[in-house]
Amino acid sequence: MHHDLLIRRATLLDGTGADPRIADVAIKGDRIVAVGDLAGHEASEVVQAEGLVLTPGFIDVHTHDDTNVVRTPEMLPKLSQGVTTVVVGNCGISASPVTLRGSEVPDPMNLLGDAEDFAYPSFAAYADAVATACPAVNVAALVGHTSLRSLVMDDFERPARDDEIAAMRLALEQALAEGAIGMSTGLAYRNARQAPNAEVGALVRAVSEAGGIYTTHLRDEFAGQAEAMDEAFATAAEARAPLVISHLKCAGAGNWGQAPRALAQLTDAASRQRVHCDCYPYTAGSSTLDLGQVTDEIDITITWSKPHPEQARRPLADIAADWGLSLMDAARRLQPAGAVYHNMSEDDMRQVLAHPLTMVGSDGLPNDPHPHPRLWGAFPRVLAHYSRDLALMPPAEAVRKMTGLSAATFGLEDRGVIRPGAFADLVLLDLERLEDSATYDQPKTPASGILRVLVNGTTAYANGQASGQRSGRMLRRSVRLAATPL
């Protein structure tokens, strides 16, 4: 039997959590066609992979790559770390459906780009733009609640009126019909904070009716986290929608040590409804500069500032001292701006990362001129640092959290596993050499040890560089997700 590509004697971590095994993998077109001892098989290209590890392509379930998959379709920060699929539209912000009312982009939608980047009044227009750009990675898209608000509301500092909720729901239903996989909220952010459960719940019911998924950046990740988690569980349960809590963390020095409580809440809810979370393997977060997070209890580094670009890459405390201002007044003068917040404990983060309901998401900010290192390093960091070096979890479990669990949770058919019939999204890596190289000082640094990345059967990355062959696809919702536990 003749194939396009035959990978021989790789150590398979197949995305299911099963123990590693040595096998051959045959690829024809965009699919895996055979797995096992393929001694009699031939191929146009044969790769001898003895001593190397073969995994499914990593699925980054939490990204803000919405406009980047169109503007920078090479997607090197993701491809170079083995990511073959990105889920965009997280934290309540998405590139579509959006029609801006002026030249100002509401915070935190400005994380996705400038006014000219919001060129997609419908989800179909966005999906067409992705298909035309032909990015190097696959794209699955959520619709952001804050983006829906921007579509119909002229004032974010209040709950939506009934007519506005109806208009948002209509736009959401259209996007879901056009292939969006669900909706996200970012209830902690200023422009969504005033949305009560009546507003959010009406939209999540539309998601449920379409068989989609609801993801949420909780209303409070700090001292009020327990109540915010209960709110999310109740909203999803009432609407009968599956839920993902975005970047579950115990943020703020006063909240450290709360991971056991948060994970107990998650586990308890999972006994009744379908809930998961995602996590990035770092103890610092990154977003726009939020006055609500400004405190002297943690280190805060400014990554960009529109009025004061010269202050980028400096600690907020140093800027405030130079200006003779309080931290809060300095932060106000810097806005709009971006920041890295060192607001988590390592022990809490490890507990969340290791939990069986947790997937991996980078939450990288590709439009930040000095991004958090998670943009380039999140996935190798899980597998190399936390699994291989610290034995926080077996490599097979680390890979499951980055592939099979993610595909099943988000309804990405035939992705995230190595088996006949699955799409040939694959990563060949040297586990001994694998290393996340990105740091806070030098964040735009590709990982080492990623030898080859295939997307839909095509080699997209090899020998430390993109191949130029871009074969990513827009992954429209094709399965109905249930709200009950798997």
Protein backbone atom coordinates (compact mmCIF):
# COMPACT_ATOMS: atom_id res chain seq x y z
CA MET A 1 0.00 0.00 0.00
CA HIS A 2 1.39 3.41 -1.02
CA HIS A 3 1.02 6.51 1.15
CA ASP A 4 2.08 10.14 0.94
CA LEU A 5 4.03 10.00 4.21
CA LEU A 6 5.10 7.16 6.49
CA ILE A 7 6.48 7.88 9.94
CA ARG A 8 8.27 4.79 11.21
CA ARG A 9 8.78 3.61 14.78
CA ALA A 10 7.79 6.79 16.57
CA THR A 11 6.84 6.72 20.24
CA LEU A 12 3.16 7.59 20.10
CA LEU A 13 1.44 9.74 22.71
CA ASP A 14 -1.89 9.46 20.93
CA GLY A 15 -3.96 12.12 22.71
CA THR A 16 -6.18 9.69 24.64
CA GLY A 17 -3.98 9.45 27.73
CA ALA A 18 -3.01 5.87 26.84
CA ASP A 19 0.49 4.66 27.64
CA PRO A 20 3.18 5.42 25.04
CA ARG A 21 3.68 2.81 22.34
CA ILE A 22 6.00 2.45 19.38
CA ALA A 23 4.19 2.38 16.03
CA ASP A 24 4.26 3.43 12.40
CA VAL A 25 1.81 6.09 11.17
CA ALA A 26 0.75 6.39 7.52
CA ILE A 27 -0.76 9.53 6.00
CA LYS A 28 -2.57 9.97 2.70
CA GLY A 29 -3.99 13.35 1.77
CA ASP A 30 -5.17 15.12 4.90
CA ARG A 31 -5.86 12.01 7.01
CA ILE A 32 -4.11 9.33 9.00
CA VAL A 33 -4.90 6.08 7.20
CA ALA A 34 -3.05 3.44 9.22
CA VAL A 35 -1.36 3.06 12.62
CA GLY A 36 0.63 0.03 13.79
CA ASP A 37 3.29 -2.25 12.32
CA LEU A 38 3.25 -1.14 8.69
CA ALA A 39 6.27 -3.17 7.53
CA GLY A 40 4.88 -3.84 4.05
CA HIS A 41 3.76 -0.29 3.37
CA GLU A 42 5.47 2.23 1.13
CA ALA A 43 5.28 6.00 0.86
CA SER A 44 6.50 8.93 -1.18
CA GLU A 45 8.36 10.08 1.93
CA VAL A 46 9.50 7.94 4.83
CA VAL A 47 10.60 9.46 8.14
CA GLN A 48 12.66 7.30 10.50
CA ALA A 49 11.43 8.44 13.91
CA GLU A 50 12.97 5.94 16.31
CA GLY A 51 13.62 7.66 19.64
CA LEU A 52 11.31 10.54 18.76
CA VAL A 53 7.80 11.27 20.05
CA LEU A 54 4.77 11.73 17.82
CA THR A 55 1.72 13.53 19.23
CA PRO A 56 -1.45 14.99 17.78
CA GLY A 57 -1.14 18.66 16.91
CA PHE A 58 -1.65 20.77 20.00
CA ILE A 59 -4.99 22.58 20.28
CA ASP A 60 -4.75 26.01 21.88
CA VAL A 61 -8.22 26.40 23.38
CA HIS A 62 -7.66 29.93 24.64
CA THR A 63 -6.25 32.42 22.15
CA HIS A 64 -6.74 35.97 20.98
CA ASP A 65 -5.52 35.24 17.47
CA ASP A 66 -8.81 36.39 15.85
CA THR A 67 -7.32 39.00 13.52
CA ASN A 68 -3.83 37.49 13.37
CA VAL A 69 -4.91 34.37 11.51
CA VAL A 70 -5.90 36.80 8.73
CA ARG A 71 -3.16 39.46 9.02
CA THR A 72 -0.23 37.15 9.86
CA PRO A 73 -1.36 33.77 8.51
CA GLU A 74 2.11 32.24 8.99
CA MET A 75 1.19 32.02 12.71
CA LEU A 76 4.79 31.29 13.70
CA PRO A 77 4.33 31.80 17.47
CA LYS A 78 1.85 28.90 17.46
CA LEU A 79 3.28 26.69 14.74
CA SER A 80 6.77 26.73 16.26
CA GLN A 81 5.47 25.24 19.52
CA GLY A 82 3.41 22.52 17.82
CA VAL A 83 -0.01 24.20 17.87
CA THR A 84 -2.10 23.18 14.84
CA THR A 85 -5.52 24.52 15.90
CA VAL A 86 -6.48 27.74 17.70
CA VAL A 87 -9.78 28.60 19.36
CA VAL A 88 -10.37 32.34 18.97
CA GLY A 89 -13.02 34.70 20.36
CA ASN A 90 -12.25 34.18 24.06
CA CYS A 91 -12.90 36.44 27.09
CA GLY A 92 -15.95 38.04 25.50
CA ILE A 93 -14.00 39.59 22.63
CA SER A 94 -14.14 38.45 19.01
CA ALA A 95 -13.44 39.99 15.63
CA SER A 96 -16.99 39.24 14.49
CA PRO A 97 -19.80 40.05 14.32
CA VAL A 98 -18.66 43.63 14.90
CA THR A 99 -19.57 47.00 13.43
CA LEU A 100 -17.75 49.73 15.35
CA ARG A 101 -19.59 52.99 16.02
CA GLY A 102 -16.44 55.11 15.76
CA SER A 103 -12.67 54.92 15.56
CA GLU A 104 -12.27 53.91 19.21
CA VAL A 105 -12.09 50.16 19.91
CA PRO A 106 -13.71 49.35 23.29
CA ASP A 107 -11.44 47.82 25.93
CA PRO A 108 -10.49 44.93 25.92
CA MET A 109 -11.47 44.44 22.25
CA ASN A 110 -8.40 46.58 21.51
CA LEU A 111 -6.29 43.50 22.37
CA LEU A 112 -7.34 42.16 18.98
CA GLY A 113 -6.20 45.15 16.94
CA ASP A 114 -7.13 48.64 15.77
CA ALA A 115 -10.40 49.85 14.29
CA GLU A 116 -9.46 48.78 10.76
CA ASP A 117 -9.01 45.19 11.95
CA PHE A 118 -12.70 44.92 12.83
CA ALA A 119 -13.90 44.47 9.27
CA TYR A 120 -16.36 41.62 9.79
CA PRO A 121 -20.00 42.64 10.37
CA SER A 122 -21.01 38.97 10.22
CA PHE A 123 -19.45 35.70 11.25
CA ALA A 124 -19.69 34.52 7.63
CA ALA A 125 -17.57 37.49 6.53
CA TYR A 126 -14.94 36.56 9.12
CA ALA A 127 -14.97 32.88 8.13
CA ASP A 128 -14.55 33.86 4.47
CA ALA A 129 -11.59 36.10 5.37
CA VAL A 130 -9.92 33.23 7.26
CA ALA A 131 -10.47 30.87 4.34
CA THR A 132 -9.01 33.43 1.92
CA ALA A 133 -5.97 34.06 4.14
CA CYS A 134 -5.38 30.30 4.43
CA PRO A 135 -3.56 30.42 7.79
CA ALA A 136 -0.98 27.81 8.73
CA VAL A 137 -3.21 26.57 11.59
CA ASN A 138 -6.86 25.55 11.87
CA VAL A 139 -9.27 28.08 13.38
CA ALA A 140 -12.39 27.51 15.46
CA ALA A 141 -14.20 30.64 16.61
CA LEU A 142 -16.35 31.73 19.53
CA VAL A 143 -18.50 34.85 19.46
CA GLY A 144 -17.66 37.38 22.18
CA HIS A 145 -20.38 38.81 24.40
CA THR A 146 -18.60 42.18 24.64
CA SER A 147 -18.40 42.24 20.84
CA LEU A 148 -22.15 41.60 20.69
CA ARG A 149 -22.67 44.45 23.15
CA SER A 150 -20.60 46.76 20.94
CA LEU A 151 -22.86 45.83 18.03
CA VAL A 152 -26.09 47.07 19.65
CA MET A 153 -25.27 49.26 22.69
CA ASP A 154 -24.04 52.84 22.85
CA ASP A 155 -23.32 52.68 26.59
CA PHE A 156 -21.64 49.72 28.30
CA GLU A 157 -22.08 51.04 31.84
CA ARG A 158 -25.52 49.47 32.26
CA PRO A 159 -27.41 46.22 31.64
CA ALA A 160 -28.71 45.72 28.12
CA ARG A 161 -32.37 46.53 27.54
CA ASP A 162 -34.77 43.81 26.38
CA ASP A 163 -34.64 45.05 22.79
CA GLU A 164 -30.83 45.06 22.89
CA ILE A 165 -30.74 41.52 24.30
CA ALA A 166 -33.06 40.44 21.48
CA ALA A 167 -30.77 42.10 18.90
CA MET A 168 -27.67 40.46 20.41
CA ARG A 169 -29.40 37.09 20.45
CA LEU A 170 -30.37 37.45 16.78
CA ALA A 171 -26.76 38.24 15.80
CA LEU A 172 -25.51 35.34 17.92
CA GLU A 173 -28.00 32.89 16.41
CA GLN A 174 -26.90 33.94 12.94
CA ALA A 175 -23.23 33.45 13.83
CA LEU A 176 -23.93 30.02 15.31
CA ALA A 177 -25.83 29.07 12.15
CA GLU A 178 -22.80 30.22 10.13
CA GLY A 179 -20.44 27.95 12.06
CA ALA A 180 -19.39 29.66 15.30
CA ILE A 181 -18.73 27.02 17.97
CA GLY A 182 -20.22 28.99 20.87
CA MET A 183 -20.00 32.18 22.90
CA SER A 184 -17.56 33.61 25.43
CA THR A 185 -17.95 36.23 28.14
CA GLY A 186 -15.43 38.45 29.89
CA LEU A 187 -17.53 39.59 32.83
CA ALA A 188 -14.55 40.94 34.79
CA TYR A 189 -13.92 43.64 32.17
CA ARG A 190 -15.39 47.10 32.46
CA ASN A 191 -17.45 46.90 29.28
CA ALA A 192 -19.21 43.68 30.31
CA ARG A 193 -19.28 44.06 34.09
CA GLN A 194 -22.77 45.56 34.13
CA ALA A 195 -24.31 42.58 32.32
CA PRO A 196 -26.61 40.72 34.75
CA ASN A 197 -27.48 37.04 34.53
CA ALA A 198 -30.71 37.86 32.65
CA GLU A 199 -28.62 39.29 29.80
CA VAL A 200 -25.98 36.58 29.76
CA GLY A 201 -28.44 33.73 30.32
CA ALA A 202 -30.59 34.71 27.35
CA LEU A 203 -27.54 34.47 25.09
CA VAL A 204 -26.26 31.21 26.60
CA ARG A 205 -29.69 29.67 25.92
CA ALA A 206 -29.18 30.46 22.23
CA VAL A 207 -25.80 28.72 22.42
CA SER A 208 -27.42 25.67 24.02
CA GLU A 209 -30.17 25.49 21.41
CA ALA A 210 -27.51 25.42 18.68
CA GLY A 211 -25.47 22.73 20.46
CA GLY A 212 -22.54 25.08 21.09
CA ILE A 213 -20.27 25.75 24.08
CA TYR A 214 -20.13 28.58 26.63
CA THR A 215 -16.75 29.80 27.91
CA THR A 216 -16.27 32.51 30.51
CA HIS A 217 -13.59 34.75 31.93
CA LEU A 218 -15.16 34.82 35.39
CA ARG A 219 -16.70 37.97 36.83
CA ASP A 220 -14.09 37.79 39.61
CA GLU A 221 -10.82 35.83 39.69
CA PHE A 222 -9.77 37.42 42.98
CA ALA A 223 -11.50 37.37 46.40
CA GLY A 224 -14.95 36.84 44.89
CA GLN A 225 -13.93 33.86 42.79
CA ALA A 226 -16.08 31.26 44.59
CA GLU A 227 -19.26 33.27 43.95
CA ALA A 228 -18.21 33.96 40.35
CA MET A 229 -17.70 30.24 39.72
CA ASP A 230 -21.13 29.47 41.18
CA GLU A 231 -22.63 32.12 38.90
CA ALA A 232 -21.00 30.51 35.85
CA PHE A 233 -22.16 27.02 36.82
CA ALA A 234 -25.73 28.25 37.39
CA THR A 235 -25.86 30.19 34.10
CA ALA A 236 -24.67 27.18 32.11
CA ALA A 237 -26.87 24.70 34.00
CA GLU A 238 -30.01 26.80 33.57
CA ALA A 239 -29.34 27.15 29.85
CA ARG A 240 -28.23 23.50 29.56
CA ALA A 241 -24.96 24.44 27.89
CA PRO A 242 -21.50 22.90 28.40
CA LEU A 243 -19.16 25.28 30.22
CA VAL A 244 -15.45 26.07 30.15
CA ILE A 245 -13.98 28.39 32.79
CA SER A 246 -11.23 30.34 31.07
CA HIS A 247 -7.72 30.44 32.57
CA LEU A 248 -8.81 29.23 36.00
CA LYS A 249 -6.57 30.92 38.55
CA CYS A 250 -6.49 32.20 42.12
CA ALA A 251 -5.40 35.77 41.41
CA GLY A 252 -4.18 38.32 43.91
CA ALA A 253 -1.86 37.76 46.87
CA GLY A 254 -4.81 37.55 49.27
CA ASN A 255 -6.29 34.71 47.22
CA TRP A 256 -3.23 32.45 47.09
CA GLY A 257 -3.77 28.96 48.46
CA GLN A 258 -7.35 28.78 47.21
CA ALA A 259 -6.77 26.23 44.42
CA PRO A 260 -8.07 23.25 46.46
CA ARG A 261 -11.34 25.11 47.08
CA ALA A 262 -11.70 26.18 43.44
CA LEU A 263 -10.96 22.68 42.14
CA ALA A 264 -13.39 21.14 44.63
CA GLN A 265 -16.07 23.48 43.26
CA LEU A 266 -15.19 22.47 39.71
CA THR A 267 -15.24 18.74 40.52
CA ASP A 268 -18.56 19.04 42.35
CA ALA A 269 -20.17 20.88 39.43
CA ALA A 270 -18.79 18.30 37.01
CA SER A 271 -20.80 15.59 38.75
CA ARG A 272 -23.97 17.35 37.57
CA GLN A 273 -23.09 19.20 34.38
CA ARG A 274 -20.44 19.28 31.68
CA VAL A 275 -17.72 21.66 32.89
CA HIS A 276 -14.02 22.06 32.20
CA CYS A 277 -11.39 24.77 32.54
CA ASP A 278 -8.23 25.84 30.81
CA CYS A 279 -4.93 26.98 32.29
CA TYR A 280 -1.64 28.47 31.12
CA PRO A 281 1.57 27.24 32.79
CA TYR A 282 2.79 30.55 34.23
CA THR A 283 2.20 32.55 37.41
CA ALA A 284 1.73 35.89 35.66
CA GLY A 285 -1.25 37.08 33.68
CA SER A 286 -1.33 39.66 30.92
CA SER A 287 -4.03 41.94 29.58
CA THR A 288 -4.82 45.59 29.15
CA LEU A 289 -3.81 47.80 32.07
CA ASP A 290 -6.78 47.42 34.41
CA LEU A 291 -7.04 49.91 37.29
CA GLY A 292 -8.85 47.26 39.28
CA GLN A 293 -5.68 45.15 39.30
CA VAL A 294 -3.27 47.91 40.24
CA THR A 295 -1.76 47.16 43.67
CA ASP A 296 1.62 47.25 45.40
CA GLU A 297 1.20 43.61 46.50
CA ILE A 298 2.51 42.23 43.17
CA ASP A 299 4.97 43.17 40.43
CA ILE A 300 3.34 44.80 37.40
CA THR A 301 5.26 45.42 34.16
CA ILE A 302 3.94 47.71 31.45
CA THR A 303 4.16 46.12 27.99
CA TRP A 304 2.78 48.99 25.89
CA SER A 305 1.23 52.42 26.34
CA LYS A 306 -0.36 54.52 23.62
CA PRO A 307 0.33 57.93 25.21
CA HIS A 308 3.71 56.91 26.66
CA PRO A 309 5.29 54.23 24.42
CA GLU A 310 8.69 55.01 25.94
CA GLN A 311 7.56 53.40 29.23
CA ALA A 312 7.05 49.94 27.69
CA ARG A 313 8.96 47.06 29.32
CA ARG A 314 9.28 48.94 32.63
CA PRO A 315 7.84 48.13 36.07
CA LEU A 316 4.82 50.27 36.93
CA ALA A 317 6.41 51.03 40.32
CA ASP A 318 9.49 52.54 38.62
CA ILE A 319 7.36 54.65 36.28
CA ALA A 320 5.31 55.94 39.22
CA ALA A 321 8.48 56.79 41.15
CA ASP A 322 9.95 58.65 38.17
CA TRP A 323 6.77 60.67 37.76
CA GLY A 324 6.29 61.27 41.50
CA LEU A 325 2.84 59.73 41.31
CA SER A 326 0.95 56.98 43.08
CA LEU A 327 0.69 53.63 41.27
CA MET A 328 -2.95 54.38 40.44
CA ASP A 329 -2.30 57.86 39.06
CA ALA A 330 0.63 56.56 36.99
CA ALA A 331 -1.58 53.78 35.62
CA ARG A 332 -4.25 56.33 34.67
CA ARG A 333 -1.68 58.44 32.82
CA LEU A 334 -0.43 55.37 30.90
CA GLN A 335 -3.84 54.25 29.65
CA PRO A 336 -4.65 52.77 27.22
CA ALA A 337 -1.86 50.34 27.94
CA GLY A 338 -0.98 46.69 28.46
CA ALA A 339 0.55 44.95 31.44
CA VAL A 340 1.91 41.71 32.85
CA TYR A 341 0.67 40.97 36.38
CA HIS A 342 2.66 38.57 38.58
CA ASN A 343 -0.44 37.71 40.58
CA MET A 344 -0.53 33.92 41.06
CA SER A 345 1.25 31.35 43.22
CA GLU A 346 3.19 28.50 41.63
CA ASP A 347 1.56 25.90 43.90
CA ASP A 348 -1.98 26.99 42.96
CA MET A 349 -1.15 27.02 39.26
CA ARG A 350 0.36 23.52 39.38
CA GLN A 351 -2.74 22.12 41.10
CA VAL A 352 -5.02 23.61 38.45
CA LEU A 353 -2.78 22.46 35.59
CA ALA A 354 -2.67 18.88 36.89
CA HIS A 355 -6.43 18.54 37.41
CA PRO A 356 -8.07 16.01 35.03
CA LEU A 357 -10.72 18.53 33.88
CA THR A 358 -8.09 21.09 32.82
CA MET A 359 -7.05 21.78 29.23
CA VAL A 360 -4.09 23.91 28.15
CA GLY A 361 -4.61 27.33 26.59
CA SER A 362 -1.90 29.92 26.04
CA ASP A 363 -4.00 33.10 26.37
CA GLY A 364 -1.19 34.69 24.36
CA LEU A 365 -1.57 38.26 23.11
CA PRO A 366 -0.05 38.37 19.62
CA ASN A 367 -0.63 42.10 19.16
CA ASP A 368 1.30 43.07 22.28
CA PRO A 369 4.68 44.47 21.14
CA HIS A 370 6.32 42.80 24.16
CA PRO A 371 4.10 39.79 24.79
CA HIS A 372 3.95 37.44 27.75
CA PRO A 373 6.18 34.38 27.00
CA ARG A 374 3.09 32.13 26.95
CA LEU A 375 2.45 33.28 23.36
CA TRP A 376 5.51 31.32 22.15
CA GLY A 377 6.14 28.81 24.93
CA ALA A 378 3.02 27.52 26.69
CA PHE A 379 2.74 24.04 25.18
CA PRO A 380 6.41 22.98 25.29
CA ARG A 381 6.51 24.32 28.85
CA VAL A 382 3.75 21.94 29.94
CA LEU A 383 5.31 18.90 28.32
CA ALA A 384 9.00 19.64 29.00
CA HIS A 385 9.09 21.55 32.29
CA TYR A 386 6.02 20.36 34.17
CA SER A 387 5.68 16.81 32.84
CA ARG A 388 9.22 15.66 31.93
CA ASP A 389 11.27 17.63 34.47
CA LEU A 390 8.94 18.02 37.45
CA ALA A 391 6.78 14.89 36.89
CA LEU A 392 3.64 16.86 37.68
CA MET A 393 1.81 14.48 35.33
CA PRO A 394 2.85 11.70 32.91
CA PRO A 395 3.65 12.84 29.36
CA ALA A 396 0.61 10.96 28.04
CA GLU A 397 -1.65 12.97 30.36
CA ALA A 398 0.06 16.25 29.45
CA VAL A 399 -0.56 15.51 25.77
CA ARG A 400 -4.21 14.55 26.44
CA LYS A 401 -4.75 17.97 28.06
CA MET A 402 -3.37 19.65 24.94
CA THR A 403 -5.11 17.49 22.30
CA GLY A 404 -7.78 14.83 22.84
CA LEU A 405 -9.52 16.46 25.79
CA SER A 406 -9.59 19.80 23.99
CA ALA A 407 -11.03 18.35 20.77
CA ALA A 408 -13.74 16.44 22.66
CA THR A 409 -14.67 19.44 24.81
CA PHE A 410 -15.00 21.85 21.89
CA GLY A 411 -16.53 19.35 19.46
CA LEU A 412 -13.64 19.38 16.97
CA GLU A 413 -14.36 16.22 14.98
CA ASP A 414 -11.49 13.88 14.10
CA ARG A 415 -8.92 16.16 15.74
CA GLY A 416 -6.71 15.72 18.77
CA VAL A 417 -5.99 11.99 18.45
CA ILE A 418 -3.73 9.68 16.45
CA ARG A 419 -5.93 7.00 14.87
CA PRO A 420 -6.99 5.94 11.38
CA GLY A 421 -9.52 8.40 9.99
CA ALA A 422 -8.35 11.35 12.09
CA PHE A 423 -6.97 14.44 10.39
CA ALA A 424 -3.19 14.39 10.10
CA ASP A 425 -2.45 17.23 12.51
CA LEU A 426 0.77 15.92 14.06
CA VAL A 427 3.88 17.01 15.97
CA LEU A 428 7.16 15.10 15.81
CA LEU A 429 9.39 16.13 18.68
CA ASP A 430 12.51 15.20 20.59
CA LEU A 431 11.27 15.02 24.17
CA GLU A 432 14.81 15.12 25.60
CA ARG A 433 15.59 18.37 23.74
CA LEU A 434 12.15 19.95 24.07
CA GLU A 435 12.33 23.33 25.84
CA ASP A 436 10.24 26.46 26.01
CA SER A 437 12.78 29.17 25.26
CA ALA A 438 10.57 32.25 25.60
CA THR A 439 11.16 34.37 28.72
CA TYR A 440 9.67 37.58 30.11
CA ASP A 441 12.75 39.46 28.86
CA GLN A 442 12.95 37.66 25.49
CA PRO A 443 9.40 36.48 24.84
CA LYS A 444 9.55 36.12 21.04
CA THR A 445 11.75 33.03 21.10
CA PRO A 446 10.71 29.75 19.45
CA ALA A 447 10.85 26.49 21.37
CA SER A 448 13.58 23.93 20.74
CA GLY A 449 12.93 20.24 20.11
CA ILE A 450 9.90 20.66 17.80
CA LEU A 451 11.16 18.85 14.70
CA ARG A 452 8.16 18.77 12.39
CA VAL A 453 4.56 19.96 12.45
CA LEU A 454 1.89 18.69 10.08
CA VAL A 455 -1.44 20.43 9.53
CA ASN A 456 -4.05 18.51 7.55
CA GLY A 457 -1.34 16.22 6.21
CA THR A 458 0.96 19.02 5.01
CA THR A 459 4.32 19.83 6.59
CA ALA A 460 3.85 23.35 7.96
CA TYR A 461 7.02 23.60 10.08
CA ALA A 462 10.34 21.76 9.96
CA ASN A 463 13.98 22.36 10.82
CA GLY A 464 13.16 25.39 12.91
CA GLN A 465 11.22 27.30 10.31
CA ALA A 466 7.85 27.50 8.59
CA SER A 467 7.70 25.55 5.34
CA GLY A 468 5.56 28.15 3.61
CA GLN A 469 2.89 25.51 3.00
CA ARG A 470 -0.21 26.81 4.78
CA SER A 471 -3.09 24.35 4.95
CA GLY A 472 -5.10 25.40 7.99
CA ARG A 473 -8.88 25.49 7.77
CA MET A 474 -11.84 27.26 9.31
CA LEU A 475 -13.41 24.63 11.57
CA ARG A 476 -17.12 25.37 11.67
CA ARG A 477 -19.29 23.78 14.35
CA SER A 478 -20.39 20.38 13.08
CA VAL A 479 -21.44 18.43 16.19
CA ARG A 480 -24.01 19.16 18.88
CA LEU A 481 -22.51 19.32 22.36
CA ALA A 482 -24.46 18.08 25.35
CA ALA A 483 -24.63 19.81 28.73
CA THR A 484 -24.48 16.58 30.73
CA PRO A 485 -21.13 15.13 31.89
CA LEU A 486 -19.27 12.98 29.36
